[in-house]
């Protein structure tokens, strides 16, 4: 089976340009959905005795004005749930656990993590430095190994791929974590 990619390069350039422009528009209008590691906050990793829907948990958290929390049921079949909230004090964390325990029962508290926004700023800075260094390293290595014009083409392709990936994350609203970076 043959497929003429080069003969249809205009179609691919147009498609690529549309994807990148849509991504940039989404990035400007919606921004990225940064994970707790970047924004800071509290993460509860819990297993409940009885199943609860996202809406039920959100309604319970509404009493503490935490209705904007990210609630993710983990599809293990064991009533596991991850709840990401703004940064909470130890007392408030205990209160949230008490509310959840009285409503559905707590089987296991796997983890409660507090992440400060300062650490998130450090991770963001480190990710940007790593991205910049990878551009420079790629440019230097390919220039040394082959020739400069191949290096510029490779870096251009790398920038293209980063723009597409970031644009898709902005379009679909998927959470950006250090692992995805």
N, C-alpha and C. Protein backbone atom coordinates (compact mmCIF):
# COMPACT_ATOMS: atom_id res chain seq x y z
N UNK A 1 0.84 -1.18 0.00
CA UNK A 1 0.00 0.00 0.00
C UNK A 1 0.89 1.24 0.00
N UNK A 2 0.63 2.13 -0.91
CA UNK A 2 1.40 3.36 -1.01
C UNK A 2 0.53 4.55 -0.62
N UNK A 3 1.17 5.49 0.04
CA UNK A 3 0.48 6.74 0.38
C UNK A 3 1.45 7.87 0.13
N UNK A 4 1.09 8.78 -0.70
CA UNK A 4 1.96 9.87 -1.11
C UNK A 4 1.87 11.04 -0.12
N UNK A 5 2.69 11.00 0.94
CA UNK A 5 2.69 12.07 1.93
C UNK A 5 3.24 13.37 1.35
N UNK A 6 4.34 13.27 0.62
CA UNK A 6 4.99 14.46 0.08
C UNK A 6 4.11 15.15 -0.96
N UNK A 7 3.42 14.37 -1.77
CA UNK A 7 2.53 14.94 -2.78
C UNK A 7 1.36 15.68 -2.17
N UNK A 8 1.03 15.32 -0.95
CA UNK A 8 -0.11 15.97 -0.26
C UNK A 8 0.37 16.88 0.87
N UNK A 9 1.58 17.42 0.71
CA UNK A 9 2.14 18.22 1.79
C UNK A 9 1.32 19.46 2.11
N UNK A 10 0.66 20.05 1.12
CA UNK A 10 -0.18 21.23 1.40
C UNK A 10 -1.31 20.88 2.36
N UNK A 11 -1.91 19.72 2.14
CA UNK A 11 -2.99 19.27 3.04
C UNK A 11 -2.46 19.13 4.46
N UNK A 12 -1.27 18.52 4.61
CA UNK A 12 -0.69 18.32 5.94
C UNK A 12 -0.28 19.63 6.58
N UNK A 13 0.25 20.57 5.79
CA UNK A 13 0.60 21.88 6.34
C UNK A 13 -0.66 22.63 6.81
N UNK A 14 -1.71 22.56 6.02
CA UNK A 14 -2.96 23.22 6.40
C UNK A 14 -3.53 22.57 7.66
N UNK A 15 -3.56 21.26 7.70
CA UNK A 15 -4.07 20.54 8.87
C UNK A 15 -3.25 20.90 10.12
N UNK A 16 -1.94 20.89 9.98
CA UNK A 16 -1.06 21.21 11.10
C UNK A 16 -1.28 22.65 11.57
N UNK A 17 -1.41 23.57 10.63
CA UNK A 17 -1.64 24.97 10.98
C UNK A 17 -2.97 25.15 11.72
N UNK A 18 -4.00 24.46 11.26
CA UNK A 18 -5.31 24.55 11.92
C UNK A 18 -5.23 24.01 13.35
N UNK A 19 -4.58 22.86 13.51
CA UNK A 19 -4.44 22.28 14.86
C UNK A 19 -3.68 23.23 15.78
N UNK A 20 -2.59 23.81 15.29
CA UNK A 20 -1.79 24.72 16.12
C UNK A 20 -2.58 25.99 16.44
N UNK A 21 -3.29 26.56 15.47
CA UNK A 21 -4.08 27.77 15.73
C UNK A 21 -5.22 27.50 16.71
N UNK A 22 -5.89 26.36 16.56
CA UNK A 22 -6.93 26.00 17.53
C UNK A 22 -6.34 25.84 18.93
N UNK A 23 -5.18 25.22 19.00
CA UNK A 23 -4.53 25.04 20.28
C UNK A 23 -4.12 26.35 20.92
N UNK A 24 -3.57 27.25 20.13
CA UNK A 24 -3.18 28.56 20.66
C UNK A 24 -4.41 29.34 21.11
N UNK A 25 -5.50 29.27 20.34
CA UNK A 25 -6.75 29.93 20.75
C UNK A 25 -7.27 29.36 22.06
N UNK A 26 -7.23 28.04 22.19
CA UNK A 26 -7.67 27.41 23.44
C UNK A 26 -6.75 27.78 24.59
N UNK A 27 -5.47 27.86 24.31
CA UNK A 27 -4.50 28.23 25.34
C UNK A 27 -4.75 29.65 25.82
N UNK A 28 -5.05 30.55 24.90
CA UNK A 28 -5.31 31.95 25.27
C UNK A 28 -6.65 32.07 26.00
N UNK A 29 -7.69 31.40 25.49
CA UNK A 29 -9.02 31.56 26.08
C UNK A 29 -9.24 30.73 27.34
N UNK A 30 -8.78 29.50 27.36
CA UNK A 30 -9.03 28.61 28.48
C UNK A 30 -7.83 28.38 29.37
N UNK A 31 -6.65 28.47 28.78
CA UNK A 31 -5.44 28.19 29.53
C UNK A 31 -5.27 26.69 29.74
N UNK A 32 -4.26 26.34 30.50
CA UNK A 32 -4.00 24.94 30.80
C UNK A 32 -4.58 24.59 32.16
N UNK A 33 -4.96 23.35 32.32
CA UNK A 33 -5.49 22.83 33.57
C UNK A 33 -4.31 22.25 34.35
N UNK A 34 -3.64 23.10 35.13
CA UNK A 34 -2.48 22.65 35.87
C UNK A 34 -2.88 21.79 37.05
N UNK A 35 -2.10 20.76 37.29
CA UNK A 35 -2.34 19.86 38.41
C UNK A 35 -1.93 20.49 39.72
N UNK A 36 -2.19 19.77 40.78
CA UNK A 36 -1.92 20.25 42.13
C UNK A 36 -0.44 20.54 42.33
N UNK A 37 0.40 19.84 41.59
CA UNK A 37 1.83 20.04 41.72
C UNK A 37 2.26 21.44 41.29
N UNK A 38 1.51 22.04 40.37
CA UNK A 38 1.83 23.37 39.87
C UNK A 38 1.09 24.47 40.64
N UNK A 39 -0.16 24.24 41.00
CA UNK A 39 -0.98 25.27 41.64
C UNK A 39 -0.85 25.27 43.15
N UNK A 40 -0.55 24.13 43.71
CA UNK A 40 -0.58 23.98 45.16
C UNK A 40 -1.98 23.56 45.59
N UNK A 41 -2.07 22.93 46.72
CA UNK A 41 -3.36 22.49 47.23
C UNK A 41 -3.22 21.22 48.05
N UNK A 42 -4.35 20.59 48.31
CA UNK A 42 -4.38 19.37 49.10
C UNK A 42 -4.99 18.26 48.27
N UNK A 43 -4.36 17.10 48.30
CA UNK A 43 -4.85 15.92 47.58
C UNK A 43 -5.20 14.84 48.59
N UNK A 44 -6.44 14.36 48.51
CA UNK A 44 -6.89 13.23 49.32
C UNK A 44 -6.97 12.01 48.42
N UNK A 45 -6.33 10.93 48.80
CA UNK A 45 -6.42 9.65 48.09
C UNK A 45 -7.09 8.68 49.06
N UNK A 46 -8.37 8.41 48.82
CA UNK A 46 -9.19 7.69 49.79
C UNK A 46 -9.89 6.48 49.18
N UNK A 47 -10.21 5.53 50.02
CA UNK A 47 -11.09 4.43 49.64
C UNK A 47 -12.29 4.47 50.59
N UNK A 48 -13.49 4.57 50.00
CA UNK A 48 -14.72 4.64 50.78
C UNK A 48 -15.31 3.25 50.97
N UNK A 49 -16.05 3.06 52.06
CA UNK A 49 -16.71 1.77 52.29
C UNK A 49 -17.89 1.59 51.35
N UNK A 50 -18.64 2.67 51.12
CA UNK A 50 -19.78 2.62 50.20
C UNK A 50 -19.51 3.60 49.06
N UNK A 51 -19.97 3.26 47.89
CA UNK A 51 -19.75 4.10 46.72
C UNK A 51 -20.47 5.43 46.81
N UNK A 52 -19.85 6.44 46.26
CA UNK A 52 -20.45 7.78 46.22
C UNK A 52 -20.18 8.38 44.85
N UNK A 53 -21.16 9.10 44.34
CA UNK A 53 -20.98 9.75 43.04
C UNK A 53 -20.20 11.06 43.23
N UNK A 54 -19.68 11.57 42.13
CA UNK A 54 -18.97 12.84 42.16
C UNK A 54 -19.89 13.95 42.64
N UNK A 55 -21.15 13.92 42.19
CA UNK A 55 -22.11 14.95 42.60
C UNK A 55 -22.38 14.89 44.11
N UNK A 56 -22.50 13.69 44.65
CA UNK A 56 -22.75 13.55 46.09
C UNK A 56 -21.57 14.10 46.90
N UNK A 57 -20.36 13.78 46.48
CA UNK A 57 -19.18 14.27 47.19
C UNK A 57 -19.08 15.79 47.05
N UNK A 58 -19.37 16.30 45.84
CA UNK A 58 -19.31 17.75 45.62
C UNK A 58 -20.35 18.47 46.50
N UNK A 59 -21.55 17.89 46.61
CA UNK A 59 -22.58 18.49 47.47
C UNK A 59 -22.13 18.53 48.92
N UNK A 60 -21.44 17.48 49.37
CA UNK A 60 -20.94 17.45 50.73
C UNK A 60 -19.85 18.52 50.93
N UNK A 61 -18.97 18.66 49.95
CA UNK A 61 -17.89 19.65 50.05
C UNK A 61 -18.40 21.08 49.91
N UNK A 62 -19.59 21.22 49.32
CA UNK A 62 -20.17 22.56 49.15
C UNK A 62 -20.40 23.22 50.50
N UNK A 63 -20.65 22.43 51.54
CA UNK A 63 -20.86 22.99 52.88
C UNK A 63 -19.60 23.68 53.40
N UNK A 64 -18.44 23.29 52.87
CA UNK A 64 -17.17 23.92 53.26
C UNK A 64 -16.67 24.91 52.20
N UNK A 65 -17.53 25.22 51.23
CA UNK A 65 -17.19 26.09 50.11
C UNK A 65 -16.01 25.52 49.30
N UNK A 66 -16.01 24.20 49.14
CA UNK A 66 -14.99 23.50 48.35
C UNK A 66 -15.61 22.83 47.13
N UNK A 67 -16.71 23.40 46.63
CA UNK A 67 -17.42 22.78 45.51
C UNK A 67 -16.62 22.82 44.20
N UNK A 68 -15.58 23.64 44.14
CA UNK A 68 -14.76 23.70 42.92
C UNK A 68 -13.62 22.67 42.95
N UNK A 69 -13.63 21.82 43.94
CA UNK A 69 -12.60 20.78 44.05
C UNK A 69 -12.71 19.81 42.88
N UNK A 70 -11.59 19.21 42.54
CA UNK A 70 -11.56 18.20 41.48
C UNK A 70 -11.76 16.84 42.15
N UNK A 71 -12.80 16.15 41.75
CA UNK A 71 -13.15 14.86 42.34
C UNK A 71 -13.06 13.82 41.25
N UNK A 72 -12.19 12.84 41.44
CA UNK A 72 -11.99 11.81 40.43
C UNK A 72 -12.17 10.43 41.04
N UNK A 73 -13.23 9.72 40.62
CA UNK A 73 -13.33 8.33 41.05
C UNK A 73 -12.28 7.51 40.30
N UNK A 74 -11.62 6.61 41.01
CA UNK A 74 -10.60 5.76 40.38
C UNK A 74 -11.29 4.46 39.99
N UNK A 75 -11.21 4.08 38.71
CA UNK A 75 -11.97 2.91 38.24
C UNK A 75 -11.34 1.57 38.63
N UNK A 76 -11.16 1.36 39.93
CA UNK A 76 -10.60 0.09 40.40
C UNK A 76 -11.70 -0.85 40.88
N UNK A 77 -12.92 -0.31 41.03
CA UNK A 77 -14.02 -1.11 41.56
C UNK A 77 -13.99 -1.20 43.07
N UNK A 78 -13.13 -0.41 43.72
CA UNK A 78 -12.98 -0.46 45.18
C UNK A 78 -13.42 0.82 45.86
N UNK A 79 -14.25 1.62 45.19
CA UNK A 79 -14.74 2.90 45.74
C UNK A 79 -13.61 3.85 46.09
N UNK A 80 -12.56 3.83 45.29
CA UNK A 80 -11.43 4.73 45.51
C UNK A 80 -11.71 6.07 44.84
N UNK A 81 -11.31 7.15 45.50
CA UNK A 81 -11.56 8.49 44.97
C UNK A 81 -10.36 9.39 45.30
N UNK A 82 -10.06 10.29 44.34
CA UNK A 82 -9.05 11.33 44.56
C UNK A 82 -9.79 12.65 44.60
N UNK A 83 -9.51 13.44 45.63
CA UNK A 83 -10.13 14.76 45.77
C UNK A 83 -9.00 15.78 45.87
N UNK A 84 -9.00 16.75 44.95
CA UNK A 84 -8.01 17.83 44.95
C UNK A 84 -8.72 19.12 45.33
N UNK A 85 -8.23 19.77 46.36
CA UNK A 85 -8.85 21.01 46.83
C UNK A 85 -7.78 22.10 46.91
N UNK A 86 -8.23 23.28 47.27
CA UNK A 86 -7.28 24.33 47.61
C UNK A 86 -6.53 23.89 48.87
N UNK A 87 -5.48 24.58 49.22
CA UNK A 87 -4.70 24.19 50.41
C UNK A 87 -5.57 24.27 51.65
N UNK A 88 -5.54 23.19 52.43
CA UNK A 88 -6.35 23.10 53.65
C UNK A 88 -5.45 22.90 54.86
N UNK A 89 -5.86 23.45 55.98
CA UNK A 89 -5.13 23.24 57.22
C UNK A 89 -5.36 21.81 57.70
N UNK A 90 -4.54 21.36 58.64
CA UNK A 90 -4.68 20.00 59.19
C UNK A 90 -6.06 19.80 59.82
N UNK A 91 -6.55 20.84 60.51
CA UNK A 91 -7.86 20.73 61.15
C UNK A 91 -8.97 20.56 60.11
N UNK A 92 -8.88 21.35 59.03
CA UNK A 92 -9.89 21.26 57.98
C UNK A 92 -9.80 19.91 57.27
N UNK A 93 -8.59 19.39 57.09
CA UNK A 93 -8.43 18.07 56.49
C UNK A 93 -9.12 17.01 57.34
N UNK A 94 -8.91 17.08 58.65
CA UNK A 94 -9.55 16.11 59.56
C UNK A 94 -11.07 16.25 59.50
N UNK A 95 -11.55 17.50 59.39
CA UNK A 95 -12.99 17.73 59.31
C UNK A 95 -13.57 17.13 58.03
N UNK A 96 -12.87 17.32 56.90
CA UNK A 96 -13.32 16.74 55.62
C UNK A 96 -13.35 15.23 55.73
N UNK A 97 -12.31 14.63 56.32
CA UNK A 97 -12.29 13.17 56.49
C UNK A 97 -13.46 12.70 57.37
N UNK A 98 -13.76 13.47 58.41
CA UNK A 98 -14.88 13.13 59.28
C UNK A 98 -16.21 13.18 58.53
N UNK A 99 -16.40 14.22 57.70
CA UNK A 99 -17.62 14.32 56.91
C UNK A 99 -17.76 13.14 55.94
N UNK A 100 -16.67 12.81 55.26
CA UNK A 100 -16.70 11.69 54.31
C UNK A 100 -16.93 10.37 55.03
N UNK A 101 -16.33 10.22 56.21
CA UNK A 101 -16.50 8.99 56.99
C UNK A 101 -17.93 8.84 57.47
N UNK A 102 -18.53 9.92 57.92
CA UNK A 102 -19.92 9.83 58.39
C UNK A 102 -20.90 9.60 57.24
N UNK A 103 -20.57 10.10 56.05
CA UNK A 103 -21.48 9.94 54.91
C UNK A 103 -21.34 8.57 54.24
N UNK A 104 -20.13 8.11 54.00
CA UNK A 104 -19.92 6.87 53.24
C UNK A 104 -18.99 5.88 53.92
N UNK A 105 -18.37 6.27 55.00
CA UNK A 105 -17.42 5.41 55.68
C UNK A 105 -16.07 5.40 54.96
N UNK A 106 -15.02 5.51 55.73
CA UNK A 106 -13.67 5.48 55.15
C UNK A 106 -13.08 4.10 55.37
N UNK A 107 -12.74 3.42 54.29
CA UNK A 107 -12.06 2.14 54.41
C UNK A 107 -10.56 2.35 54.58
N UNK A 108 -10.02 3.30 53.80
CA UNK A 108 -8.59 3.52 53.83
C UNK A 108 -8.28 4.96 53.40
N UNK A 109 -7.38 5.59 54.14
CA UNK A 109 -6.85 6.89 53.74
C UNK A 109 -5.45 6.61 53.22
N UNK A 110 -5.35 6.50 51.91
CA UNK A 110 -4.07 6.11 51.30
C UNK A 110 -3.04 7.21 51.40
N UNK A 111 -3.46 8.46 51.21
CA UNK A 111 -2.52 9.58 51.29
C UNK A 111 -3.27 10.89 51.38
N UNK A 112 -2.67 11.82 52.08
CA UNK A 112 -3.11 13.22 52.07
C UNK A 112 -1.84 14.03 51.83
N UNK A 113 -1.82 14.75 50.71
CA UNK A 113 -0.63 15.51 50.35
C UNK A 113 -0.96 16.99 50.32
N UNK A 114 -0.09 17.77 50.94
CA UNK A 114 -0.17 19.22 50.85
C UNK A 114 0.98 19.69 49.98
N UNK A 115 0.67 20.41 48.94
CA UNK A 115 1.69 20.93 48.04
C UNK A 115 1.55 22.44 48.02
N UNK A 116 2.63 23.12 48.31
CA UNK A 116 2.60 24.57 48.30
C UNK A 116 2.82 25.13 46.90
N UNK A 117 2.29 26.32 46.62
CA UNK A 117 2.47 26.92 45.30
C UNK A 117 3.92 27.26 45.00
N UNK A 118 4.76 27.41 46.01
CA UNK A 118 6.18 27.68 45.78
C UNK A 118 6.85 26.50 45.11
N UNK A 119 6.50 25.29 45.53
CA UNK A 119 7.04 24.09 44.91
C UNK A 119 6.55 24.00 43.47
N UNK A 120 5.29 24.35 43.24
CA UNK A 120 4.75 24.35 41.89
C UNK A 120 5.48 25.33 40.98
N UNK A 121 5.82 26.50 41.52
CA UNK A 121 6.57 27.48 40.73
C UNK A 121 7.95 26.95 40.39
N UNK A 122 8.56 26.24 41.34
CA UNK A 122 9.87 25.63 41.10
C UNK A 122 9.78 24.58 40.00
N UNK A 123 8.75 23.74 40.03
CA UNK A 123 8.56 22.70 39.01
C UNK A 123 8.32 23.35 37.64
N UNK A 124 7.51 24.40 37.60
CA UNK A 124 7.24 25.09 36.34
C UNK A 124 8.53 25.66 35.76
N UNK A 125 9.32 26.30 36.61
CA UNK A 125 10.59 26.87 36.14
C UNK A 125 11.52 25.77 35.66
N UNK A 126 11.59 24.66 36.38
CA UNK A 126 12.46 23.55 35.98
C UNK A 126 12.00 22.94 34.66
N UNK A 127 10.69 22.85 34.45
CA UNK A 127 10.17 22.29 33.20
C UNK A 127 10.52 23.20 32.02
N UNK A 128 10.40 24.51 32.21
CA UNK A 128 10.74 25.45 31.13
C UNK A 128 12.24 25.43 30.83
N UNK A 129 13.06 25.33 31.87
CA UNK A 129 14.51 25.24 31.66
C UNK A 129 14.85 23.95 30.92
N UNK A 130 14.23 22.84 31.31
CA UNK A 130 14.48 21.57 30.64
C UNK A 130 14.06 21.63 29.17
N UNK A 131 12.94 22.28 28.89
CA UNK A 131 12.49 22.42 27.51
C UNK A 131 13.48 23.26 26.69
N UNK A 132 13.92 24.37 27.26
CA UNK A 132 14.89 25.22 26.57
C UNK A 132 16.21 24.51 26.34
N UNK A 133 16.70 23.79 27.36
CA UNK A 133 17.94 23.05 27.21
C UNK A 133 17.83 21.93 26.18
N UNK A 134 16.66 21.31 26.10
CA UNK A 134 16.48 20.26 25.09
C UNK A 134 16.51 20.85 23.69
N UNK A 135 15.94 22.04 23.49
CA UNK A 135 16.04 22.72 22.20
C UNK A 135 17.51 22.98 21.84
N UNK A 136 18.24 23.56 22.77
CA UNK A 136 19.64 23.90 22.53
C UNK A 136 20.47 22.63 22.31
N UNK A 137 20.27 21.62 23.15
CA UNK A 137 21.01 20.37 23.01
C UNK A 137 20.75 19.69 21.68
N UNK A 138 19.50 19.68 21.27
CA UNK A 138 19.15 19.09 19.97
C UNK A 138 19.82 19.86 18.84
N UNK A 139 19.77 21.17 18.91
CA UNK A 139 20.39 22.00 17.88
C UNK A 139 21.90 21.75 17.80
N UNK A 140 22.57 21.73 18.94
CA UNK A 140 24.02 21.51 18.96
C UNK A 140 24.37 20.11 18.45
N UNK A 141 23.70 19.11 18.96
CA UNK A 141 24.05 17.74 18.59
C UNK A 141 23.85 17.48 17.09
N UNK A 142 22.70 17.87 16.57
CA UNK A 142 22.44 17.60 15.15
C UNK A 142 23.35 18.44 14.26
N UNK A 143 23.66 19.67 14.69
CA UNK A 143 24.61 20.49 13.93
C UNK A 143 25.97 19.83 13.89
N UNK A 144 26.41 19.29 14.99
CA UNK A 144 27.70 18.64 15.07
C UNK A 144 27.71 17.33 14.29
N UNK A 145 26.64 16.55 14.41
CA UNK A 145 26.57 15.23 13.79
C UNK A 145 26.31 15.31 12.28
N UNK A 146 25.45 16.23 11.89
CA UNK A 146 25.06 16.33 10.48
C UNK A 146 25.43 17.72 9.95
N UNK A 147 24.43 18.60 9.91
CA UNK A 147 24.70 19.96 9.51
C UNK A 147 23.64 20.88 10.11
N UNK A 148 23.93 22.17 10.11
CA UNK A 148 23.09 23.14 10.81
C UNK A 148 21.67 23.19 10.26
N UNK A 149 21.49 23.12 8.95
CA UNK A 149 20.13 23.22 8.40
C UNK A 149 19.27 22.02 8.82
N UNK A 150 19.88 20.86 9.01
CA UNK A 150 19.12 19.72 9.53
C UNK A 150 18.74 19.95 10.99
N UNK A 151 19.63 20.58 11.72
CA UNK A 151 19.35 20.88 13.13
C UNK A 151 18.20 21.86 13.25
N UNK A 152 18.19 22.89 12.40
CA UNK A 152 17.09 23.85 12.47
C UNK A 152 15.77 23.18 12.08
N UNK A 153 15.81 22.27 11.13
CA UNK A 153 14.59 21.54 10.76
C UNK A 153 14.12 20.67 11.92
N UNK A 154 15.04 20.02 12.61
CA UNK A 154 14.68 19.17 13.75
C UNK A 154 14.11 20.00 14.90
N UNK A 155 14.72 21.15 15.18
CA UNK A 155 14.21 22.01 16.25
C UNK A 155 12.85 22.57 15.86
N UNK A 156 12.66 22.91 14.59
CA UNK A 156 11.35 23.38 14.12
C UNK A 156 10.30 22.30 14.31
N UNK A 157 10.65 21.06 13.98
CA UNK A 157 9.72 19.95 14.18
C UNK A 157 9.42 19.75 15.67
N UNK A 158 10.44 19.93 16.51
CA UNK A 158 10.27 19.80 17.95
C UNK A 158 9.32 20.88 18.48
N UNK A 159 9.53 22.12 18.03
CA UNK A 159 8.64 23.22 18.43
C UNK A 159 7.21 22.93 17.96
N UNK A 160 7.08 22.42 16.74
CA UNK A 160 5.76 22.05 16.22
C UNK A 160 5.09 21.02 17.13
N UNK A 161 5.84 19.98 17.49
CA UNK A 161 5.27 18.93 18.33
C UNK A 161 4.87 19.44 19.71
N UNK A 162 5.68 20.32 20.28
CA UNK A 162 5.34 20.90 21.58
C UNK A 162 4.08 21.75 21.46
N UNK A 163 3.98 22.57 20.41
CA UNK A 163 2.78 23.40 20.22
C UNK A 163 1.53 22.54 20.05
N UNK A 164 1.64 21.46 19.29
CA UNK A 164 0.49 20.57 19.10
C UNK A 164 0.10 19.93 20.43
N UNK A 165 1.07 19.42 21.17
CA UNK A 165 0.77 18.75 22.44
C UNK A 165 0.14 19.72 23.44
N UNK A 166 0.74 20.91 23.60
CA UNK A 166 0.20 21.90 24.53
C UNK A 166 -1.19 22.35 24.08
N UNK A 167 -1.36 22.54 22.78
CA UNK A 167 -2.66 22.94 22.25
C UNK A 167 -3.74 21.90 22.51
N UNK A 168 -3.40 20.63 22.34
CA UNK A 168 -4.38 19.57 22.59
C UNK A 168 -4.74 19.52 24.07
N UNK A 169 -3.74 19.68 24.96
CA UNK A 169 -4.04 19.72 26.40
C UNK A 169 -4.96 20.89 26.73
N UNK A 170 -4.75 22.04 26.09
CA UNK A 170 -5.62 23.20 26.33
C UNK A 170 -7.02 22.95 25.76
N UNK A 171 -7.10 22.32 24.59
CA UNK A 171 -8.40 22.05 23.96
C UNK A 171 -9.26 21.09 24.78
N UNK A 172 -8.67 20.01 25.24
CA UNK A 172 -9.46 18.98 25.92
C UNK A 172 -9.53 19.20 27.43
N UNK A 173 -8.73 20.13 27.95
CA UNK A 173 -8.79 20.43 29.37
C UNK A 173 -8.14 19.38 30.24
N UNK A 174 -7.32 18.56 29.68
CA UNK A 174 -6.64 17.51 30.44
C UNK A 174 -5.64 18.13 31.42
N UNK A 175 -5.48 17.50 32.56
CA UNK A 175 -4.62 18.04 33.61
C UNK A 175 -3.15 17.90 33.23
N UNK A 176 -2.40 18.98 33.45
CA UNK A 176 -0.98 18.99 33.19
C UNK A 176 -0.26 18.74 34.52
N UNK A 177 0.51 17.66 34.56
CA UNK A 177 1.27 17.29 35.75
C UNK A 177 2.75 17.20 35.38
N UNK A 178 3.64 17.08 36.36
CA UNK A 178 5.05 16.89 36.01
C UNK A 178 5.28 15.65 35.14
N UNK A 179 4.49 14.63 35.32
CA UNK A 179 4.63 13.42 34.48
C UNK A 179 4.29 13.72 33.03
N UNK A 180 3.29 14.53 32.77
CA UNK A 180 2.94 14.83 31.39
C UNK A 180 3.93 15.77 30.74
N UNK A 181 4.58 16.62 31.56
CA UNK A 181 5.60 17.51 31.02
C UNK A 181 6.77 16.68 30.55
